[in-house]
Amino acid sequence: MAGHLRKNMPSSATFLINDVITSVLERFVAEFSSYGPIKIVATAKEAASGAKTVISIVPSAKNVRQVFLDDTSGIIQAPKDVDRLLLECSTIDLKTTREVHKKIAEAGVGSYVDTPVSVCFPKE
């Protein structure tokens, strides 16, 4: 998904990316930097602080809470910006989605939208 986004963004726009696996980030930069600038950031907070649109996709509800609500590195710690769009693409439970939405709205750091990705496989 990230590669597709970098390819289709304006080449002058900087793509901010964060992941817990450094080798994945380095491989991404090597593969997609020809499409425009890519900056590896240390935290979700840093990514959100430098962006108007944030797309997150992580394995679990626990990880979503960490990305959005961590007291130190979470998006909730980014500067307030009611125009920032926060698209959360993980497939998680409704309780977590509502919790994160409420806390992000209260903090005023952006508009949280639950946008889960589903995978469909064609019939053979």
PDB file of N, CA and C in Angstrom:
ATOM      1  N   MET A   1       0.828  -1.183   0.000  1.00  0.00           N
ATOM      2  CA  MET A   1       0.000   0.000   0.000  1.00  0.00           C
ATOM      3  C   MET A   1       0.875   1.251   0.000  1.00  0.00           C
ATOM      4  N   ALA A   2       1.901   1.271   0.836  1.00  0.00           N
ATOM      5  CA  ALA A   2       2.747   2.452   0.928  1.00  0.00           C
ATOM      6  C   ALA A   2       3.437   2.747  -0.402  1.00  0.00           C
ATOM      7  N   GLY A   3       3.887   1.720  -1.072  1.00  0.00           N
ATOM      8  CA  GLY A   3       4.530   1.908  -2.371  1.00  0.00           C
ATOM      9  C   GLY A   3       3.577   2.503  -3.394  1.00  0.00           C
ATOM     10  N   HIS A   4       2.372   2.007  -3.414  1.00  0.00           N
ATOM     11  CA  HIS A   4       1.359   2.528  -4.335  1.00  0.00           C
ATOM     12  C   HIS A   4       1.090   4.005  -4.043  1.00  0.00           C
ATOM     13  N   LEU A   5       1.006   4.357  -2.778  1.00  0.00           N
ATOM     14  CA  LEU A   5       0.784   5.753  -2.401  1.00  0.00           C
ATOM     15  C   LEU A   5       1.948   6.634  -2.849  1.00  0.00           C
ATOM     16  N   ARG A   6       3.188   6.193  -2.562  1.00  0.00           N
ATOM     17  CA  ARG A   6       4.356   7.005  -2.952  1.00  0.00           C
ATOM     18  C   ARG A   6       4.394   7.202  -4.461  1.00  0.00           C
ATOM     19  N   LYS A   7       4.097   6.157  -5.208  1.00  0.00           N
ATOM     20  CA  LYS A   7       4.116   6.250  -6.672  1.00  0.00           C
ATOM     21  C   LYS A   7       3.096   7.256  -7.195  1.00  0.00           C
ATOM     22  N   ASN A   8       1.969   7.379  -6.517  1.00  0.00           N
ATOM     23  CA  ASN A   8       0.872   8.196  -7.028  1.00  0.00           C
ATOM     24  C   ASN A   8       0.752   9.578  -6.385  1.00  0.00           C
ATOM     25  N   MET A   9       1.624   9.880  -5.450  1.00  0.00           N
ATOM     26  CA  MET A   9       1.666  11.226  -4.863  1.00  0.00           C
ATOM     27  C   MET A   9       2.429  12.146  -5.811  1.00  0.00           C
ATOM     28  N   PRO A  10       2.227  13.441  -5.679  1.00  0.00           N
ATOM     29  CA  PRO A  10       3.085  14.365  -6.441  1.00  0.00           C
ATOM     30  C   PRO A  10       4.547  14.112  -6.080  1.00  0.00           C
ATOM     31  N   SER A  11       5.416  14.127  -7.066  1.00  0.00           N
ATOM     32  CA  SER A  11       6.829  13.824  -6.810  1.00  0.00           C
ATOM     33  C   SER A  11       7.488  14.856  -5.902  1.00  0.00           C
ATOM     34  N   SER A  12       6.890  16.019  -5.772  1.00  0.00           N
ATOM     35  CA  SER A  12       7.455  17.051  -4.890  1.00  0.00           C
ATOM     36  C   SER A  12       7.049  16.863  -3.426  1.00  0.00           C
ATOM     37  N   ALA A  13       6.045  16.034  -3.171  1.00  0.00           N
ATOM     38  CA  ALA A  13       5.556  15.823  -1.805  1.00  0.00           C
ATOM     39  C   ALA A  13       6.448  14.825  -1.069  1.00  0.00           C
ATOM     40  N   THR A  14       6.704  15.107   0.201  1.00  0.00           N
ATOM     41  CA  THR A  14       7.507  14.202   1.014  1.00  0.00           C
ATOM     42  C   THR A  14       6.608  13.159   1.666  1.00  0.00           C
ATOM     43  N   PHE A  15       6.995  11.913   1.565  1.00  0.00           N
ATOM     44  CA  PHE A  15       6.280  10.778   2.143  1.00  0.00           C
ATOM     45  C   PHE A  15       6.940  10.444   3.474  1.00  0.00           C
ATOM     46  N   LEU A  16       6.208  10.586   4.566  1.00  0.00           N
ATOM     47  CA  LEU A  16       6.725  10.247   5.894  1.00  0.00           C
ATOM     48  C   LEU A  16       6.321   8.818   6.218  1.00  0.00           C
ATOM     49  N   ILE A  17       7.245   8.016   6.717  1.00  0.00           N
ATOM     50  CA  ILE A  17       6.938   6.615   6.999  1.00  0.00           C
ATOM     51  C   ILE A  17       7.554   6.193   8.332  1.00  0.00           C
ATOM     52  N   ASN A  18       6.819   5.329   9.031  1.00  0.00           N
ATOM     53  CA  ASN A  18       7.266   4.815  10.326  1.00  0.00           C
ATOM     54  C   ASN A  18       6.900   3.344  10.413  1.00  0.00           C
ATOM     55  N   ASP A  19       7.803   2.556  10.951  1.00  0.00           N
ATOM     56  CA  ASP A  19       7.561   1.138  11.191  1.00  0.00           C
ATOM     57  C   ASP A  19       8.520   0.696  12.280  1.00  0.00           C
ATOM     58  N   VAL A  20       8.170  -0.350  12.992  1.00  0.00           N
ATOM     59  CA  VAL A  20       9.050  -0.853  14.044  1.00  0.00           C
ATOM     60  C   VAL A  20      10.213  -1.674  13.489  1.00  0.00           C
ATOM     61  N   ILE A  21      10.121  -2.066  12.231  1.00  0.00           N
ATOM     62  CA  ILE A  21      11.169  -2.881  11.616  1.00  0.00           C
ATOM     63  C   ILE A  21      11.998  -1.995  10.680  1.00  0.00           C
ATOM     64  N   THR A  22      13.181  -1.638  11.132  1.00  0.00           N
ATOM     65  CA  THR A  22      14.045  -0.712  10.399  1.00  0.00           C
ATOM     66  C   THR A  22      14.391  -1.213   9.006  1.00  0.00           C
ATOM     67  N   SER A  23      14.645  -2.502   8.871  1.00  0.00           N
ATOM     68  CA  SER A  23      15.029  -3.037   7.560  1.00  0.00           C
ATOM     69  C   SER A  23      13.919  -2.856   6.524  1.00  0.00           C
ATOM     70  N   VAL A  24      12.672  -2.910   6.960  1.00  0.00           N
ATOM     71  CA  VAL A  24      11.540  -2.689   6.055  1.00  0.00           C
ATOM     72  C   VAL A  24      11.559  -1.241   5.554  1.00  0.00           C
ATOM     73  N   LEU A  25      11.836  -0.316   6.460  1.00  0.00           N
ATOM     74  CA  LEU A  25      11.893   1.101   6.086  1.00  0.00           C
ATOM     75  C   LEU A  25      13.028   1.356   5.100  1.00  0.00           C
ATOM     76  N   GLU A  26      14.178   0.794   5.366  1.00  0.00           N
ATOM     77  CA  GLU A  26      15.329   0.992   4.487  1.00  0.00           C
ATOM     78  C   GLU A  26      15.071   0.411   3.095  1.00  0.00           C
ATOM     79  N   ARG A  27      14.439  -0.749   3.049  1.00  0.00           N
ATOM     80  CA  ARG A  27      14.095  -1.363   1.763  1.00  0.00           C
ATOM     81  C   ARG A  27      13.085  -0.501   1.010  1.00  0.00           C
ATOM     82  N   PHE A  28      12.108   0.051   1.738  1.00  0.00           N
ATOM     83  CA  PHE A  28      11.094   0.913   1.122  1.00  0.00           C
ATOM     84  C   PHE A  28      11.755   2.150   0.502  1.00  0.00           C
ATOM     85  N   VAL A  29      12.640   2.785   1.241  1.00  0.00           N
ATOM     86  CA  VAL A  29      13.330   3.969   0.719  1.00  0.00           C
ATOM     87  C   VAL A  29      14.122   3.606  -0.529  1.00  0.00           C
ATOM     88  N   ALA A  30      14.854   2.498  -0.490  1.00  0.00           N
ATOM     89  CA  ALA A  30      15.658   2.077  -1.642  1.00  0.00           C
ATOM     90  C   ALA A  30      14.792   1.816  -2.868  1.00  0.00           C
ATOM     91  N   GLU A  31      13.623   1.242  -2.647  1.00  0.00           N
ATOM     92  CA  GLU A  31      12.759   0.868  -3.767  1.00  0.00           C
ATOM     93  C   GLU A  31      11.927   2.021  -4.316  1.00  0.00           C
ATOM     94  N   PHE A  32      11.517   2.962  -3.470  1.00  0.00           N
ATOM     95  CA  PHE A  32      10.542   3.957  -3.911  1.00  0.00           C
ATOM     96  C   PHE A  32      11.014   5.408  -3.881  1.00  0.00           C
ATOM     97  N   SER A  33      12.240   5.676  -3.485  1.00  0.00           N
ATOM     98  CA  SER A  33      12.686   7.073  -3.407  1.00  0.00           C
ATOM     99  C   SER A  33      12.805   7.736  -4.774  1.00  0.00           C
ATOM    100  N   SER A  34      12.850   6.968  -5.840  1.00  0.00           N
ATOM    101  CA  SER A  34      12.895   7.576  -7.175  1.00  0.00           C
ATOM    102  C   SER A  34      11.580   8.276  -7.527  1.00  0.00           C
ATOM    103  N   TYR A  35      10.515   8.012  -6.782  1.00  0.00           N
ATOM    104  CA  TYR A  35       9.212   8.641  -7.031  1.00  0.00           C
ATOM    105  C   TYR A  35       9.048   9.965  -6.293  1.00  0.00           C
ATOM    106  N   GLY A  36       9.970  10.268  -5.383  1.00  0.00           N
ATOM    107  CA  GLY A  36       9.906  11.503  -4.618  1.00  0.00           C
ATOM    108  C   GLY A  36      10.511  11.291  -3.249  1.00  0.00           C
ATOM    109  N   PRO A  37      10.663  12.372  -2.499  1.00  0.00           N
ATOM    110  CA  PRO A  37      11.322  12.277  -1.196  1.00  0.00           C
ATOM    111  C   PRO A  37      10.556  11.409  -0.196  1.00  0.00           C
ATOM    112  N   ILE A  38      11.327  10.631   0.563  1.00  0.00           N
ATOM    113  CA  ILE A  38      10.780   9.790   1.629  1.00  0.00           C
ATOM    114  C   ILE A  38      11.583  10.089   2.889  1.00  0.00           C
ATOM    115  N   LYS A  39      10.878  10.317   3.978  1.00  0.00           N
ATOM    116  CA  LYS A  39      11.539  10.578   5.251  1.00  0.00           C
ATOM    117  C   LYS A  39      11.090   9.540   6.268  1.00  0.00           C
ATOM    118  N   ILE A  40      12.041   8.825   6.821  1.00  0.00           N
ATOM    119  CA  ILE A  40      11.750   7.873   7.894  1.00  0.00           C
ATOM    120  C   ILE A  40      11.622   8.675   9.188  1.00  0.00           C
ATOM    121  N   VAL A  41      10.514   8.478   9.897  1.00  0.00           N
ATOM    122  CA  VAL A  41      10.297   9.174  11.161  1.00  0.00           C
ATOM    123  C   VAL A  41      10.271   8.153  12.291  1.00  0.00           C
ATOM    124  N   ALA A  42      10.627   8.613  13.483  1.00  0.00           N
ATOM    125  CA  ALA A  42      10.795   7.713  14.622  1.00  0.00           C
ATOM    126  C   ALA A  42       9.486   7.308  15.280  1.00  0.00           C
ATOM    127  N   THR A  43       8.443   8.146  15.162  1.00  0.00           N
ATOM    128  CA  THR A  43       7.201   7.867  15.883  1.00  0.00           C
ATOM    129  C   THR A  43       5.984   8.257  15.050  1.00  0.00           C
ATOM    130  N   ALA A  44       4.843   7.734  15.456  1.00  0.00           N
ATOM    131  CA  ALA A  44       3.575   8.128  14.839  1.00  0.00           C
ATOM    132  C   ALA A  44       3.305   9.611  15.101  1.00  0.00           C
ATOM    133  N   LYS A  45       3.681  10.076  16.266  1.00  0.00           N
ATOM    134  CA  LYS A  45       3.532  11.506  16.592  1.00  0.00           C
ATOM    135  C   LYS A  45       4.288  12.362  15.585  1.00  0.00           C
ATOM    136  N   GLU A  46       5.512  11.996  15.292  1.00  0.00           N
ATOM    137  CA  GLU A  46       6.319  12.749  14.338  1.00  0.00           C
ATOM    138  C   GLU A  46       5.702  12.711  12.944  1.00  0.00           C
ATOM    139  N   ALA A  47       5.196  11.560  12.550  1.00  0.00           N
ATOM    140  CA  ALA A  47       4.543  11.452  11.239  1.00  0.00           C
ATOM    141  C   ALA A  47       3.336  12.383  11.167  1.00  0.00           C
ATOM    142  N   ALA A  48       2.490  12.334  12.181  1.00  0.00           N
ATOM    143  CA  ALA A  48       1.292  13.169  12.199  1.00  0.00           C
ATOM    144  C   ALA A  48       1.636  14.651  12.277  1.00  0.00           C
ATOM    145  N   SER A  49       2.675  14.980  12.999  1.00  0.00           N
ATOM    146  CA  SER A  49       3.072  16.379  13.148  1.00  0.00           C
ATOM    147  C   SER A  49       3.485  17.000  11.824  1.00  0.00           C
ATOM    148  N   GLY A  50       3.947  16.165  10.897  1.00  0.00           N
ATOM    149  CA  GLY A  50       4.402  16.672   9.606  1.00  0.00           C
ATOM    150  C   GLY A  50       3.470  16.386   8.456  1.00  0.00           C
ATOM    151  N   ALA A  51       2.214  15.995   8.751  1.00  0.00           N
ATOM    152  CA  ALA A  51       1.321  15.581   7.669  1.00  0.00           C
ATOM    153  C   ALA A  51      -0.100  16.094   7.861  1.00  0.00           C
ATOM    154  N   LYS A  52      -0.803  16.222   6.747  1.00  0.00           N
ATOM    155  CA  LYS A  52      -2.227  16.548   6.769  1.00  0.00           C
ATOM    156  C   LYS A  52      -3.068  15.282   6.630  1.00  0.00           C
ATOM    157  N   THR A  53      -2.477  14.220   6.101  1.00  0.00           N
ATOM    158  CA  THR A  53      -3.157  12.932   5.969  1.00  0.00           C
ATOM    159  C   THR A  53      -2.241  11.853   6.521  1.00  0.00           C
ATOM    160  N   VAL A  54      -2.793  11.020   7.409  1.00  0.00           N
ATOM    161  CA  VAL A  54      -2.046   9.917   8.003  1.00  0.00           C
ATOM    162  C   VAL A  54      -2.821   8.636   7.727  1.00  0.00           C
ATOM    163  N   ILE A  55      -2.124   7.627   7.238  1.00  0.00           N
ATOM    164  CA  ILE A  55      -2.732   6.321   7.001  1.00  0.00           C
ATOM    165  C   ILE A  55      -1.980   5.315   7.861  1.00  0.00           C
ATOM    166  N   SER A  56      -2.726   4.594   8.695  1.00  0.00           N
ATOM    167  CA  SER A  56      -2.089   3.577   9.533  1.00  0.00           C
ATOM    168  C   SER A  56      -2.735   2.231   9.276  1.00  0.00           C
ATOM    169  N   ILE A  57      -1.896   1.210   9.320  1.00  0.00           N
ATOM    170  CA  ILE A  57      -2.379  -0.163   9.235  1.00  0.00           C
ATOM    171  C   ILE A  57      -1.411  -1.026  10.036  1.00  0.00           C
ATOM    172  N   VAL A  58      -1.931  -1.620  11.085  1.00  0.00           N
ATOM    173  CA  VAL A  58      -1.128  -2.426  12.001  1.00  0.00           C
ATOM    174  C   VAL A  58      -1.858  -3.730  12.306  1.00  0.00           C
ATOM    175  N   PRO A  59      -1.170  -4.696  12.918  1.00  0.00           N
ATOM    176  CA  PRO A  59      -1.762  -6.024  13.090  1.00  0.00           C
ATOM    177  C   PRO A  59      -2.930  -6.157  14.069  1.00  0.00           C
ATOM    178  N   SER A  60      -2.982  -5.313  15.120  1.00  0.00           N
ATOM    179  CA  SER A  60      -3.978  -5.579  16.160  1.00  0.00           C
ATOM    180  C   SER A  60      -4.516  -4.304  16.793  1.00  0.00           C
ATOM    181  N   ALA A  61      -5.582  -4.454  17.563  1.00  0.00           N
ATOM    182  CA  ALA A  61      -6.172  -3.328  18.299  1.00  0.00           C
ATOM    183  C   ALA A  61      -5.162  -2.742  19.280  1.00  0.00           C
ATOM    184  N   LYS A  62      -4.383  -3.595  19.905  1.00  0.00           N
ATOM    185  CA  LYS A  62      -3.335  -3.119  20.829  1.00  0.00           C
ATOM    186  C   LYS A  62      -2.377  -2.177  20.105  1.00  0.00           C
ATOM    187  N   ASN A  63      -1.995  -2.555  18.877  1.00  0.00           N
ATOM    188  CA  ASN A  63      -1.097  -1.717  18.096  1.00  0.00           C
ATOM    189  C   ASN A  63      -1.758  -0.404  17.681  1.00  0.00           C
ATOM    190  N   VAL A  64      -3.048  -0.437  17.378  1.00  0.00           N
ATOM    191  CA  VAL A  64      -3.776   0.795  17.029  1.00  0.00           C
ATOM    192  C   VAL A  64      -3.764   1.750  18.213  1.00  0.00           C
ATOM    193  N   ARG A  65      -4.048   1.231  19.394  1.00  0.00           N
ATOM    194  CA  ARG A  65      -4.000   2.079  20.596  1.00  0.00           C
ATOM    195  C   ARG A  65      -2.608   2.689  20.772  1.00  0.00           C
ATOM    196  N   GLN A  66      -1.576   1.902  20.537  1.00  0.00           N
ATOM    197  CA  GLN A  66      -0.204   2.391  20.682  1.00  0.00           C
ATOM    198  C   GLN A  66       0.077   3.508  19.675  1.00  0.00           C
ATOM    199  N   VAL A  67      -0.272   3.294  18.417  1.00  0.00           N
ATOM    200  CA  VAL A  67      -0.031   4.290  17.371  1.00  0.00           C
ATOM    201  C   VAL A  67      -0.762   5.599  17.661  1.00  0.00           C
ATOM    202  N   PHE A  68      -2.006   5.495  18.091  1.00  0.00           N
ATOM    203  CA  PHE A  68      -2.819   6.694  18.279  1.00  0.00           C
ATOM    204  C   PHE A  68      -2.766   7.281  19.686  1.00  0.00           C
ATOM    205  N   LEU A  69      -2.692   6.447  20.716  1.00  0.00           N
ATOM    206  CA  LEU A  69      -2.922   6.938  22.066  1.00  0.00           C
ATOM    207  C   LEU A  69      -1.710   6.904  22.997  1.00  0.00           C
ATOM    208  N   ASP A  70      -0.560   6.434  22.539  1.00  0.00           N
ATOM    209  CA  ASP A  70       0.613   6.373  23.408  1.00  0.00           C
ATOM    210  C   ASP A  70       0.936   7.768  23.947  1.00  0.00           C
ATOM    211  N   ASP A  71       1.193   7.836  25.260  1.00  0.00           N
ATOM    212  CA  ASP A  71       1.425   9.114  25.936  1.00  0.00           C
ATOM    213  C   ASP A  71       2.663   9.864  25.462  1.00  0.00           C
ATOM    214  N   THR A  72       3.585   9.159  24.843  1.00  0.00           N
ATOM    215  CA  THR A  72       4.826   9.790  24.395  1.00  0.00           C
ATOM    216  C   THR A  72       4.913   9.891  22.880  1.00  0.00           C
ATOM    217  N   SER A  73       4.636   8.781  22.196  1.00  0.00           N
ATOM    218  CA  SER A  73       4.893   8.719  20.754  1.00  0.00           C
ATOM    219  C   SER A  73       3.640   8.634  19.891  1.00  0.00           C
ATOM    220  N   GLY A  74       2.473   8.647  20.508  1.00  0.00           N
ATOM    221  CA  GLY A  74       1.230   8.487  19.757  1.00  0.00           C
ATOM    222  C   GLY A  74       0.776   9.739  19.029  1.00  0.00           C
ATOM    223  N   ILE A  75      -0.056   9.542  18.046  1.00  0.00           N
ATOM    224  CA  ILE A  75      -0.613  10.638  17.261  1.00  0.00           C
ATOM    225  C   ILE A  75      -1.328  11.646  18.153  1.00  0.00           C
ATOM    226  N   ILE A  76      -1.895  11.181  19.239  1.00  0.00           N
ATOM    227  CA  ILE A  76      -2.616  12.068  20.158  1.00  0.00           C
ATOM    228  C   ILE A  76      -1.706  13.164  20.728  1.00  0.00           C
ATOM    229  N   GLN A  77      -0.400  12.959  20.668  1.00  0.00           N
ATOM    230  CA  GLN A  77       0.566  13.950  21.159  1.00  0.00           C
ATOM    231  C   GLN A  77       0.984  14.965  20.089  1.00  0.00           C
ATOM    232  N   ALA A  78       0.511  14.793  18.865  1.00  0.00           N
ATOM    233  CA  ALA A  78       0.841  15.726  17.774  1.00  0.00           C
ATOM    234  C   ALA A  78       0.133  17.063  18.010  1.00  0.00           C
ATOM    235  N   PRO A  79       0.610  18.117  17.383  1.00  0.00           N
ATOM    236  CA  PRO A  79      -0.077  19.409  17.515  1.00  0.00           C
ATOM    237  C   PRO A  79      -1.524  19.319  17.034  1.00  0.00           C
ATOM    238  N   LYS A  80      -2.378  20.106  17.647  1.00  0.00           N
ATOM    239  CA  LYS A  80      -3.784  20.124  17.245  1.00  0.00           C
ATOM    240  C   LYS A  80      -3.904  20.551  15.788  1.00  0.00           C
ATOM    241  N   ASP A  81      -4.795  19.887  15.062  1.00  0.00           N
ATOM    242  CA  ASP A  81      -5.048  20.221  13.668  1.00  0.00           C
ATOM    243  C   ASP A  81      -6.368  19.568  13.262  1.00  0.00           C
ATOM    244  N   VAL A  82      -7.439  20.319  13.312  1.00  0.00           N
ATOM    245  CA  VAL A  82      -8.762  19.764  13.000  1.00  0.00           C
ATOM    246  C   VAL A  82      -8.881  19.363  11.536  1.00  0.00           C
ATOM    247  N   ASP A  83      -7.978  19.858  10.679  1.00  0.00           N
ATOM    248  CA  ASP A  83      -8.014  19.515   9.260  1.00  0.00           C
ATOM    249  C   ASP A  83      -7.201  18.270   8.915  1.00  0.00           C
ATOM    250  N   ARG A  84      -6.476  17.712   9.878  1.00  0.00           N
ATOM    251  CA  ARG A  84      -5.679  16.510   9.623  1.00  0.00           C
ATOM    252  C   ARG A  84      -6.612  15.309   9.515  1.00  0.00           C
ATOM    253  N   LEU A  85      -6.425  14.508   8.482  1.00  0.00           N
ATOM    254  CA  LEU A  85      -7.232  13.314   8.242  1.00  0.00           C
ATOM    255  C   LEU A  85      -6.444  12.089   8.690  1.00  0.00           C
ATOM    256  N   LEU A  86      -7.018  11.306   9.609  1.00  0.00           N
ATOM    257  CA  LEU A  86      -6.377  10.116  10.167  1.00  0.00           C
ATOM    258  C   LEU A  86      -7.151   8.887   9.727  1.00  0.00           C
ATOM    259  N   LEU A  87      -6.620   8.156   8.763  1.00  0.00           N
ATOM    260  CA  LEU A  87      -7.281   6.977   8.222  1.00  0.00           C
ATOM    261  C   LEU A  87      -6.672   5.726   8.848  1.00  0.00           C
ATOM    262  N   GLU A  88      -7.460   5.020   9.632  1.00  0.00           N
ATOM    263  CA  GLU A  88      -6.992   3.812  10.317  1.00  0.00           C
ATOM    264  C   GLU A  88      -7.513   2.607   9.550  1.00  0.00           C
ATOM    265  N   CYS A  89      -6.605   1.865   8.903  1.00  0.00           N
ATOM    266  CA  CYS A  89      -6.983   0.787   7.980  1.00  0.00           C
ATOM    267  C   CYS A  89      -6.912  -0.616   8.574  1.00  0.00           C
ATOM    268  N   SER A  90      -6.550  -0.750   9.824  1.00  0.00           N
ATOM    269  CA  SER A  90      -6.481  -2.067  10.447  1.00  0.00           C
ATOM    270  C   SER A  90      -7.886  -2.630  10.634  1.00  0.00           C
ATOM    271  N   THR A  91      -7.986  -3.931  10.642  1.00  0.00           N
ATOM    272  CA  THR A  91      -9.266  -4.579  10.923  1.00  0.00           C
ATOM    273  C   THR A  91      -9.282  -4.898  12.414  1.00  0.00           C
ATOM    274  N   ILE A  92     -10.020  -4.066  13.162  1.00  0.00           N
ATOM    275  CA  ILE A  92     -10.038  -4.198  14.619  1.00  0.00           C
ATOM    276  C   ILE A  92     -11.471  -4.176  15.125  1.00  0.00           C
ATOM    277  N   ASP A  93     -11.615  -4.378  16.426  1.00  0.00           N
ATOM    278  CA  ASP A  93     -12.937  -4.426  17.041  1.00  0.00           C
ATOM    279  C   ASP A  93     -13.548  -3.025  17.152  1.00  0.00           C
ATOM    280  N   LEU A  94     -14.858  -2.987  17.207  1.00  0.00           N
ATOM    281  CA  LEU A  94     -15.606  -1.735  17.271  1.00  0.00           C
ATOM    282  C   LEU A  94     -15.319  -0.953  18.551  1.00  0.00           C
ATOM    283  N   LYS A  95     -15.141  -1.647  19.660  1.00  0.00           N
ATOM    284  CA  LYS A  95     -14.866  -0.975  20.933  1.00  0.00           C
ATOM    285  C   LYS A  95     -13.593  -0.136  20.848  1.00  0.00           C
ATOM    286  N   THR A  96     -12.537  -0.710  20.294  1.00  0.00           N
ATOM    287  CA  THR A  96     -11.277   0.019  20.153  1.00  0.00           C
ATOM    288  C   THR A  96     -11.437   1.197  19.213  1.00  0.00           C
ATOM    289  N   THR A  97     -12.113   0.988  18.097  1.00  0.00           N
ATOM    290  CA  THR A  97     -12.344   2.069  17.133  1.00  0.00           C
ATOM    291  C   THR A  97     -13.056   3.238  17.789  1.00  0.00           C
ATOM    292  N   ARG A  98     -14.092   2.950  18.541  1.00  0.00           N
ATOM    293  CA  ARG A  98     -14.844   4.018  19.216  1.00  0.00           C
ATOM    294  C   ARG A  98     -13.988   4.723  20.270  1.00  0.00           C
ATOM    295  N   GLU A  99     -13.204   3.959  21.013  1.00  0.00           N
ATOM    296  CA  GLU A  99     -12.338   4.535  22.040  1.00  0.00           C
ATOM    297  C   GLU A  99     -11.316   5.491  21.419  1.00  0.00           C
ATOM    298  N   VAL A 100     -10.638   5.027  20.378  1.00  0.00           N
ATOM    299  CA  VAL A 100      -9.621   5.851  19.728  1.00  0.00           C
ATOM    300  C   VAL A 100     -10.265   7.086  19.105  1.00  0.00           C
ATOM    301  N   HIS A 101     -11.390   6.899  18.419  1.00  0.00           N
ATOM    302  CA  HIS A 101     -12.095   8.026  17.802  1.00  0.00           C
ATOM    303  C   HIS A 101     -12.422   9.094  18.836  1.00  0.00           C
ATOM    304  N   LYS A 102     -12.976   8.683  19.960  1.00  0.00           N
ATOM    305  CA  LYS A 102     -13.379   9.624  21.003  1.00  0.00           C
ATOM    306  C   LYS A 102     -12.187  10.406  21.552  1.00  0.00           C
ATOM    307  N   LYS A 103     -11.109   9.702  21.857  1.00  0.00           N
ATOM    308  CA  LYS A 103      -9.941  10.359  22.442  1.00  0.00           C
ATOM    309  C   LYS A 103      -9.242  11.283  21.444  1.00  0.00           C
ATOM    310  N   ILE A 104      -9.182  10.871  20.199  1.00  0.00           N
ATOM    311  CA  ILE A 104      -8.571  11.718  19.169  1.00  0.00           C
ATOM    312  C   ILE A 104      -9.425  12.963  18.947  1.00  0.00           C
ATOM    313  N   ALA A 105     -10.743  12.805  18.914  1.00  0.00           N
ATOM    314  CA  ALA A 105     -11.643  13.951  18.747  1.00  0.00           C
ATOM    315  C   ALA A 105     -11.494  14.926  19.915  1.00  0.00           C
ATOM    316  N   GLU A 106     -11.440  14.403  21.118  1.00  0.00           N
ATOM    317  CA  GLU A 106     -11.280  15.250  22.305  1.00  0.00           C
ATOM    318  C   GLU A 106      -9.954  16.010  22.279  1.00  0.00           C
ATOM    319  N   ALA A 107      -8.913  15.378  21.749  1.00  0.00           N
ATOM    320  CA  ALA A 107      -7.591  16.009  21.704  1.00  0.00           C
ATOM    321  C   ALA A 107      -7.494  17.039  20.580  1.00  0.00           C
ATOM    322  N   GLY A 108      -8.365  16.933  19.580  1.00  0.00           N
ATOM    323  CA  GLY A 108      -8.362  17.896  18.481  1.00  0.00           C
ATOM    324  C   GLY A 108      -7.187  17.777  17.530  1.00  0.00           C
ATOM    325  N   VAL A 109      -6.601  16.581  17.428  1.00  0.00           N
ATOM    326  CA  VAL A 109      -5.430  16.413  16.562  1.00  0.00           C
ATOM    327  C   VAL A 109      -5.779  15.966  15.142  1.00  0.00           C
ATOM    328  N   GLY A 110      -7.055  15.778  14.878  1.00  0.00           N
ATOM    329  CA  GLY A 110      -7.460  15.386  13.531  1.00  0.00           C
ATOM    330  C   GLY A 110      -8.778  14.652  13.526  1.00  0.00           C
ATOM    331  N   SER A 111      -9.202  14.312  12.322  1.00  0.00           N
ATOM    332  CA  SER A 111     -10.447  13.553  12.137  1.00  0.00           C
ATOM    333  C   SER A 111     -10.104  12.094  11.918  1.00  0.00           C
ATOM    334  N   TYR A 112     -10.432  11.264  12.889  1.00  0.00           N
ATOM    335  CA  TYR A 112     -10.166   9.822  12.839  1.00  0.00           C
ATOM    336  C   TYR A 112     -11.283   9.142  12.047  1.00  0.00           C
ATOM    337  N   VAL A 113     -10.880   8.354  11.049  1.00  0.00           N
ATOM    338  CA  VAL A 113     -11.853   7.621  10.244  1.00  0.00           C
ATOM    339  C   VAL A 113     -11.433   6.150  10.217  1.00  0.00           C
ATOM    340  N   ASP A 114     -12.351   5.275  10.590  1.00  0.00           N
ATOM    341  CA  ASP A 114     -12.111   3.837  10.538  1.00  0.00           C
ATOM    342  C   ASP A 114     -12.292   3.391   9.095  1.00  0.00           C
ATOM    343  N   THR A 115     -11.209   2.954   8.453  1.00  0.00           N
ATOM    344  CA  THR A 115     -11.237   2.574   7.039  1.00  0.00           C
ATOM    345  C   THR A 115     -10.568   1.212   6.853  1.00  0.00           C
ATOM    346  N   PRO A 116     -11.156   0.152   7.420  1.00  0.00           N
ATOM    347  CA  PRO A 116     -10.485  -1.152   7.375  1.00  0.00           C
ATOM    348  C   PRO A 116     -10.302  -1.663   5.957  1.00  0.00           C
ATOM    349  N   VAL A 117      -9.185  -2.347   5.786  1.00  0.00           N
ATOM    350  CA  VAL A 117      -8.856  -2.962   4.503  1.00  0.00           C
ATOM    351  C   VAL A 117      -9.312  -4.413   4.555  1.00  0.00           C
ATOM    352  N   SER A 118      -9.961  -4.847   3.517  1.00  0.00           N
ATOM    353  CA  SER A 118     -10.326  -6.257   3.443  1.00  0.00           C
ATOM    354  C   SER A 118      -9.669  -6.852   2.213  1.00  0.00           C
ATOM    355  N   VAL A 119      -9.372  -8.113   2.307  1.00  0.00           N
ATOM    356  CA  VAL A 119      -8.718  -8.808   1.214  1.00  0.00           C
ATOM    357  C   VAL A 119      -9.707  -9.800   0.626  1.00  0.00           C
ATOM    358  N   CYS A 120      -9.850  -9.743  -0.676  1.00  0.00           N
ATOM    359  CA  CYS A 120     -10.730 -10.685  -1.362  1.00  0.00           C
ATOM    360  C   CYS A 120      -9.891 -11.505  -2.326  1.00  0.00           C
ATOM    361  N   PHE A 121     -10.145 -12.778  -2.333  1.00  0.00           N
ATOM    362  CA  PHE A 121      -9.448 -13.664  -3.246  1.00  0.00           C
ATOM    363  C   PHE A 121     -10.440 -14.168  -4.289  1.00  0.00           C
ATOM    364  N   PRO A 122     -10.075 -14.129  -5.552  1.00  0.00           N
ATOM    365  CA  PRO A 122     -11.000 -14.579  -6.599  1.00  0.00           C
ATOM    366  C   PRO A 122     -11.233 -16.084  -6.499  1.00  0.00           C
ATOM    367  N   LYS A 123     -12.435 -16.486  -6.904  1.00  0.00           N
ATOM    368  CA  LYS A 123     -12.720 -17.917  -6.964  1.00  0.00           C
ATOM    369  C   LYS A 123     -11.908 -18.539  -8.077  1.00  0.00           C
ATOM    370  N   GLU A 124     -11.473 -19.730  -7.828  1.00  0.00           N
ATOM    371  CA  GLU A 124     -10.677 -20.409  -8.858  1.00  0.00           C
ATOM    372  C   GLU A 124     -11.528 -21.373  -9.613  1.00  0.00           C
TER     373      GLU A 124
END
